[in-house]
Amino acid sequence: MSTGGRPRVLLMHPILDPGPAILAEAAEVLAYPPNRPLDEASIRQAAEGCVGIVSQLMDPIRETVLSTPGLKCVSNVAVGFDNVDVAAATSHKVMVTNTPGVLDDSTADFAFTLLMATARRIVEADSFTRSGRFRGWAIDMMLGQDIFGATLGIVGVGRIGRGVAHRAKGFNMRVLYYDPQPLPREAEEQLGATRVDLGRLIAESDFISIHVPLTQETHHLFSTQQFNQMKRNAVLVNTSRGPVVDEAALVEALKGRKLAGAGLDVYEREPAVHPGLTPMPNVVLAPHIASATVRTRSEMSAMAARNMATAVRGGRPPNLVNPEVKK
């Protein structure tokens, strides 16, 4: 269905400029009703008559939605796409696109922000000062962990993981990494990074930063066994996907002082946060904002809109996750 012969695209949530103008030039844009629940049946109903859906990571785009007659493309405004059933999309010949590259630097920056904030107890110190408890300098007040010269373990060395390794060079950190695919030797030399198995990385790292996609293999990649292997002064940082970390096990490990702290931007059951984490002063919690800069979110919006505009016009989107659909 369309008005005036124009194809229709369902915009699940508002996006930043110049994304809306790019979409409007290519199609009639329908906004998802703001009070409608984000479940598959509701999304399917809203998508009837649409050739495309511009989705975000909180939208469950699965079989019920992907079997919508006439649907050609789902453009996810994120580099990750675990909210989309890509296999089902492929079976229905629906293209799936994402927004890689543009958020690498902002996310790597934020991973390092969480690392530093947790190590130096910034959030705890801010609360301490604002509450009027600061009575003057004391030699044992708010003691944290050294970052300069420490060992950083990076789990997953895609673009963001490599970005974190690059930032670690400025702190003269020893960098270990774990990834099924080794970096080229020249990249390892440039970053000063050494590939090791996951067990060694966990045992030797003062800081561990996670940068893996969510798959069956990475679900609960960090759980009780891994926390028991960590240094007691170690800090865990996660800016990838929440279910990579077993939150219940993390709470127990922190209570048992198996590690010193954690910096988290993502959660196992977003937007819910495990209630055991919120009262812990040694945990820094952020609301999934690693890519939240004006430039990055604007570029993500524009890229997603261009992906959709290309698909609507019958072309091959540049960031196609399932290229077998559009050969």
Protein backbone atom coordinates (compact mmCIF):
# COMPACT_ATOMS: atom_id res chain seq x y z
CA MET A 1 0.00 0.00 0.00
CA SER A 2 1.16 3.55 -0.70
CA THR A 3 -0.06 7.07 -1.19
CA GLY A 4 0.40 8.53 -4.65
CA GLY A 5 2.35 5.48 -5.71
CA ARG A 6 5.12 6.09 -3.19
CA PRO A 7 6.51 3.13 -1.22
CA ARG A 8 5.96 3.18 2.52
CA VAL A 9 8.63 2.80 5.19
CA LEU A 10 7.91 2.24 8.88
CA LEU A 11 10.13 4.32 11.17
CA MET A 12 10.12 2.56 14.53
CA HIS A 13 11.65 5.44 16.50
CA PRO A 14 12.76 9.00 15.69
CA ILE A 15 16.24 9.37 14.22
CA LEU A 16 18.52 12.37 14.00
CA ASP A 17 19.05 14.74 11.08
CA PRO A 18 19.76 14.32 8.24
CA GLY A 19 18.16 10.87 8.41
CA PRO A 20 14.49 11.91 8.23
CA ALA A 21 15.01 14.03 5.11
CA ILE A 22 16.89 11.21 3.36
CA LEU A 23 14.04 8.80 4.10
CA ALA A 24 11.33 11.28 3.10
CA GLU A 25 12.96 11.81 -0.27
CA ALA A 26 12.77 8.09 -1.04
CA ALA A 27 9.49 7.02 0.54
CA GLU A 28 6.40 7.89 2.51
CA VAL A 29 7.51 7.57 6.14
CA LEU A 30 5.10 6.19 8.73
CA ALA A 31 5.96 6.68 12.40
CA TYR A 32 5.37 3.76 14.73
CA PRO A 33 2.61 4.76 17.18
CA PRO A 34 4.36 5.93 20.36
CA ASN A 35 2.01 4.17 22.76
CA ARG A 36 1.98 0.83 20.96
CA PRO A 37 3.98 -1.98 22.62
CA LEU A 38 7.19 -3.22 21.02
CA ASP A 39 6.10 -6.79 20.40
CA GLU A 40 6.15 -8.77 17.16
CA ALA A 41 2.39 -8.79 16.60
CA SER A 42 2.13 -5.01 17.04
CA ILE A 43 5.10 -4.34 14.76
CA ARG A 44 3.67 -6.70 12.12
CA GLN A 45 0.37 -4.83 12.19
CA ALA A 46 2.10 -1.45 11.84
CA ALA A 47 4.29 -2.75 9.01
CA GLU A 48 1.41 -3.92 6.82
CA GLY A 49 1.76 -2.27 3.42
CA CYS A 50 5.37 -1.19 4.08
CA VAL A 51 8.38 -2.16 1.99
CA GLY A 52 10.84 -1.25 4.72
CA ILE A 53 11.33 -0.96 8.48
CA VAL A 54 13.92 1.31 10.08
CA SER A 55 14.51 -0.41 13.41
CA GLN A 56 16.62 0.01 16.51
CA LEU A 57 18.11 -2.50 18.92
CA MET A 58 15.04 -2.65 21.20
CA ASP A 59 12.78 -3.80 18.35
CA PRO A 60 12.16 -7.57 18.01
CA ILE A 61 12.24 -8.07 14.24
CA ARG A 62 11.63 -11.78 13.85
CA GLU A 63 9.58 -14.29 11.84
CA THR A 64 6.19 -12.71 12.53
CA VAL A 65 7.42 -9.33 11.28
CA LEU A 66 9.69 -10.57 8.52
CA SER A 67 6.89 -12.55 6.84
CA THR A 68 4.94 -9.32 6.23
CA PRO A 69 3.89 -9.35 2.54
CA GLY A 70 5.87 -6.89 0.43
CA LEU A 71 8.58 -6.24 3.03
CA LYS A 72 11.94 -5.80 1.30
CA CYS A 73 14.36 -4.32 3.83
CA VAL A 74 15.03 -3.87 7.54
CA SER A 75 17.53 -1.11 8.24
CA ASN A 76 18.86 -1.39 11.79
CA VAL A 77 20.27 1.81 13.30
CA ALA A 78 23.14 0.01 15.03
CA VAL A 79 26.25 -1.94 14.20
CA GLY A 80 24.82 -4.96 16.04
CA PHE A 81 21.75 -6.75 14.70
CA ASP A 82 20.97 -9.45 17.25
CA ASN A 83 17.44 -8.01 17.52
CA VAL A 84 16.83 -9.13 13.91
CA ASP A 85 16.43 -12.78 12.91
CA VAL A 86 18.73 -12.63 9.91
CA ALA A 87 18.11 -16.26 8.92
CA ALA A 88 14.36 -15.65 8.82
CA ALA A 89 14.91 -12.42 6.88
CA THR A 90 17.00 -14.27 4.32
CA SER A 91 14.39 -17.00 3.93
CA HIS A 92 11.79 -14.30 3.17
CA LYS A 93 14.23 -12.46 0.87
CA VAL A 94 14.27 -9.42 3.14
CA MET A 95 17.50 -7.42 3.15
CA VAL A 96 18.99 -6.53 6.55
CA THR A 97 21.41 -3.62 6.92
CA ASN A 98 23.37 -2.11 9.80
CA THR A 99 25.57 0.94 10.49
CA PRO A 100 29.17 -0.22 10.92
CA GLY A 101 32.22 2.00 11.21
CA VAL A 102 30.71 5.33 12.20
CA LEU A 103 30.43 4.51 15.90
CA ASP A 104 33.84 2.89 16.36
CA ASP A 105 35.69 5.85 17.86
CA SER A 106 32.92 7.06 20.15
CA THR A 107 32.38 3.53 21.49
CA ALA A 108 36.11 2.94 22.01
CA ASP A 109 36.30 6.30 23.79
CA PHE A 110 33.45 5.30 26.06
CA ALA A 111 34.91 1.89 26.87
CA PHE A 112 38.03 3.66 28.04
CA THR A 113 35.86 6.16 29.93
CA LEU A 114 34.20 3.32 31.85
CA LEU A 115 37.59 1.72 32.49
CA MET A 116 39.00 4.91 33.97
CA ALA A 117 35.87 5.88 35.89
CA THR A 118 35.70 2.46 37.54
CA ALA A 119 39.41 2.20 38.25
CA ARG A 120 39.58 5.65 39.85
CA ARG A 121 36.14 5.48 41.53
CA ILE A 122 34.91 8.65 39.83
CA VAL A 123 31.17 8.08 40.29
CA GLU A 124 31.65 7.10 43.92
CA ALA A 125 33.89 10.12 44.53
CA ASP A 126 31.39 12.45 42.85
CA SER A 127 28.59 11.22 45.12
CA PHE A 128 30.87 11.47 48.15
CA THR A 129 31.71 15.08 47.36
CA ARG A 130 28.17 16.17 46.47
CA SER A 131 26.79 14.69 49.67
CA GLY A 132 29.05 16.92 51.78
CA ARG A 133 31.14 14.07 53.17
CA PHE A 134 34.44 15.52 51.87
CA ARG A 135 36.19 16.97 54.93
CA GLY A 136 39.66 17.39 53.46
CA TRP A 137 42.52 15.40 51.96
CA ALA A 138 43.35 12.02 53.47
CA ILE A 139 46.09 9.64 52.38
CA ASP A 140 43.79 6.61 52.26
CA MET A 141 40.71 8.26 50.75
CA MET A 142 39.15 6.76 47.57
CA LEU A 143 42.13 4.60 46.69
CA GLY A 144 41.77 3.19 43.17
CA GLN A 145 43.69 1.17 40.60
CA ASP A 146 46.60 2.37 38.45
CA ILE A 147 45.92 2.43 34.71
CA PHE A 148 49.29 3.51 33.33
CA GLY A 149 51.45 0.45 32.75
CA ALA A 150 48.69 -2.03 33.64
CA THR A 151 47.66 -5.05 31.57
CA LEU A 152 44.58 -4.66 29.40
CA GLY A 153 42.79 -7.71 28.02
CA ILE A 154 40.60 -7.08 24.98
CA VAL A 155 38.03 -9.74 24.13
CA GLY A 156 37.20 -9.28 20.45
CA VAL A 157 39.43 -7.16 18.22
CA GLY A 158 37.08 -5.87 15.59
CA ARG A 159 37.18 -2.18 14.79
CA ILE A 160 36.11 -1.11 18.29
CA GLY A 161 38.43 -3.52 20.07
CA ARG A 162 41.34 -2.29 17.98
CA GLY A 163 40.33 1.27 18.83
CA VAL A 164 40.55 0.49 22.54
CA ALA A 165 43.98 -1.10 22.02
CA HIS A 166 45.12 2.02 20.20
CA ARG A 167 44.01 4.21 23.13
CA ALA A 168 45.81 1.91 25.57
CA LYS A 169 49.12 2.77 23.91
CA GLY A 170 48.86 6.27 25.36
CA PHE A 171 48.80 4.71 28.83
CA ASN A 172 51.76 2.43 28.14
CA MET A 173 49.54 -0.59 28.79
CA ARG A 174 50.47 -4.16 28.05
CA VAL A 175 47.72 -5.33 25.68
CA LEU A 176 46.55 -8.92 25.41
CA TYR A 177 43.72 -9.91 23.11
CA TYR A 178 41.52 -12.91 22.49
CA ASP A 179 39.78 -13.44 19.17
CA PRO A 180 39.19 -16.54 17.05
CA GLN A 181 40.67 -14.60 14.14
CA PRO A 182 44.20 -13.30 14.77
CA LEU A 183 45.16 -9.81 13.71
CA PRO A 184 47.69 -9.48 10.90
CA ARG A 185 51.21 -9.39 12.31
CA GLU A 186 51.69 -5.77 11.27
CA ALA A 187 48.51 -4.78 13.13
CA GLU A 188 49.69 -6.60 16.25
CA GLU A 189 53.01 -4.79 16.07
CA GLN A 190 51.35 -1.43 15.50
CA LEU A 191 49.03 -1.89 18.49
CA GLY A 192 51.58 -3.66 20.65
CA ALA A 193 49.01 -6.43 21.17
CA THR A 194 49.63 -10.11 21.88
CA ARG A 195 47.09 -12.81 21.05
CA VAL A 196 46.45 -15.29 23.87
CA ASP A 197 43.75 -17.77 24.80
CA LEU A 198 40.83 -16.54 26.87
CA GLY A 199 41.98 -18.25 30.06
CA ARG A 200 45.37 -16.56 30.02
CA LEU A 201 43.82 -13.19 29.18
CA ILE A 202 41.46 -13.46 32.14
CA ALA A 203 44.18 -14.57 34.55
CA GLU A 204 46.73 -11.91 33.62
CA SER A 205 44.64 -8.80 32.90
CA ASP A 206 44.15 -5.89 35.28
CA PHE A 207 41.36 -4.62 33.02
CA ILE A 208 39.18 -6.61 30.62
CA SER A 209 37.16 -4.86 27.91
CA ILE A 210 34.58 -6.87 25.95
CA HIS A 211 33.90 -6.18 22.26
CA VAL A 212 32.21 -9.25 20.79
CA PRO A 213 28.87 -9.63 19.00
CA LEU A 214 26.10 -11.52 20.76
CA THR A 215 25.90 -15.06 19.40
CA GLN A 216 25.16 -18.49 20.84
CA GLU A 217 28.89 -18.86 21.42
CA THR A 218 29.32 -15.56 23.26
CA HIS A 219 26.17 -15.75 25.42
CA HIS A 220 27.43 -15.77 29.05
CA LEU A 221 31.01 -15.82 27.80
CA PHE A 222 31.78 -14.33 31.20
CA SER A 223 30.21 -16.27 34.06
CA THR A 224 31.24 -17.82 37.38
CA GLN A 225 34.21 -19.77 36.01
CA GLN A 226 35.70 -16.71 34.34
CA PHE A 227 35.15 -14.44 37.35
CA ASN A 228 36.86 -16.98 39.58
CA GLN A 229 39.92 -16.78 37.33
CA MET A 230 40.21 -12.99 37.39
CA LYS A 231 42.62 -11.00 39.51
CA ARG A 232 40.99 -9.67 42.66
CA ASN A 233 42.00 -6.12 41.68
CA ALA A 234 40.70 -6.49 38.12
CA VAL A 235 38.00 -4.39 36.44
CA LEU A 236 35.54 -5.70 33.83
CA VAL A 237 34.16 -3.35 31.14
CA ASN A 238 31.32 -4.27 28.80
CA THR A 239 30.15 -2.06 25.93
CA SER A 240 29.17 -4.91 23.59
CA ARG A 241 25.90 -6.67 24.44
CA GLY A 242 24.51 -7.37 27.89
CA PRO A 243 23.94 -11.15 27.66
CA VAL A 244 27.65 -11.70 27.01
CA VAL A 245 27.98 -11.28 30.78
CA ASP A 246 26.05 -13.42 33.26
CA GLU A 247 24.81 -10.61 35.50
CA ALA A 248 23.75 -12.84 38.39
CA ALA A 249 27.20 -14.44 38.42
CA LEU A 250 28.81 -10.99 38.20
CA VAL A 251 26.87 -9.83 41.27
CA GLU A 252 28.02 -12.86 43.25
CA ALA A 253 31.62 -12.41 42.10
CA LEU A 254 31.61 -8.76 43.14
CA LYS A 255 30.09 -9.63 46.50
CA GLY A 256 32.78 -12.28 46.95
CA ARG A 257 35.51 -9.82 45.88
CA LYS A 258 36.55 -12.01 42.97
CA LEU A 259 37.19 -8.77 41.06
CA ALA A 260 37.48 -5.13 42.05
CA GLY A 261 34.72 -3.59 39.95
CA ALA A 262 32.83 -3.34 36.69
CA GLY A 263 31.88 -0.65 34.18
CA LEU A 264 28.74 -1.55 32.24
CA ASP A 265 26.92 0.18 29.40
CA VAL A 266 24.76 -2.81 28.40
CA TYR A 267 22.61 -5.25 30.34
CA GLU A 268 21.33 -8.77 30.09
CA ARG A 269 17.65 -7.80 30.10
CA GLU A 270 17.65 -4.18 28.99
CA PRO A 271 16.39 -1.81 30.13
CA ALA A 272 16.26 -3.77 33.41
CA VAL A 273 19.45 -3.85 35.45
CA HIS A 274 20.12 -6.67 37.90
CA PRO A 275 19.02 -5.25 41.27
CA GLY A 276 22.21 -6.52 42.88
CA LEU A 277 24.32 -4.16 40.75
CA THR A 278 22.64 -0.85 41.50
CA PRO A 279 23.70 -0.46 45.15
CA MET A 280 27.33 -1.43 44.51
CA PRO A 281 29.68 1.57 44.71
CA ASN A 282 32.37 -0.26 42.72
CA VAL A 283 30.13 -0.60 39.66
CA VAL A 284 29.71 2.20 37.11
CA LEU A 285 26.39 1.92 35.27
CA ALA A 286 25.55 3.77 32.04
CA PRO A 287 22.29 3.58 30.01
CA HIS A 288 23.67 2.14 26.73
CA ILE A 289 25.26 5.42 25.59
CA ALA A 290 28.64 4.31 24.24
CA SER A 291 27.86 5.72 20.79
CA ALA A 292 25.87 8.68 22.13
CA THR A 293 27.61 11.67 20.64
CA VAL A 294 25.86 14.14 18.36
CA ARG A 295 28.17 13.35 15.45
CA THR A 296 28.00 9.58 15.81
CA ARG A 297 24.26 9.24 16.28
CA SER A 298 23.64 11.66 13.39
CA GLU A 299 25.92 9.63 11.11
CA MET A 300 24.26 6.38 12.20
CA SER A 301 20.86 7.86 11.37
CA ALA A 302 22.06 9.05 7.97
CA MET A 303 23.66 5.70 7.14
CA ALA A 304 20.54 3.76 8.10
CA ALA A 305 18.40 6.13 6.03
CA ARG A 306 20.69 5.78 3.01
CA ASN A 307 20.64 2.00 3.35
CA MET A 308 16.85 2.07 3.28
CA ALA A 309 16.63 4.63 0.47
CA THR A 310 18.90 2.48 -1.71
CA ALA A 311 16.81 -0.63 -1.01
CA VAL A 312 13.53 1.19 -1.72
CA ARG A 313 14.88 2.31 -5.08
CA GLY A 314 15.79 -1.26 -6.02
CA GLY A 315 19.53 -1.01 -5.39
CA ARG A 316 21.94 -2.97 -3.23
CA PRO A 317 22.45 -1.22 0.14
CA PRO A 318 26.12 -0.66 0.99
CA ASN A 319 25.88 -2.24 4.47
CA LEU A 320 24.02 -5.43 3.64
CA VAL A 321 24.26 -8.08 6.36
CA ASN A 322 22.76 -10.87 4.24
CA PRO A 323 24.17 -10.27 0.74
CA GLU A 324 22.75 -13.54 -0.57
CA VAL A 325 19.34 -11.85 -0.74
CA LYS A 326 20.57 -9.26 -3.26
CA LYS A 327 23.06 -10.92 -5.57
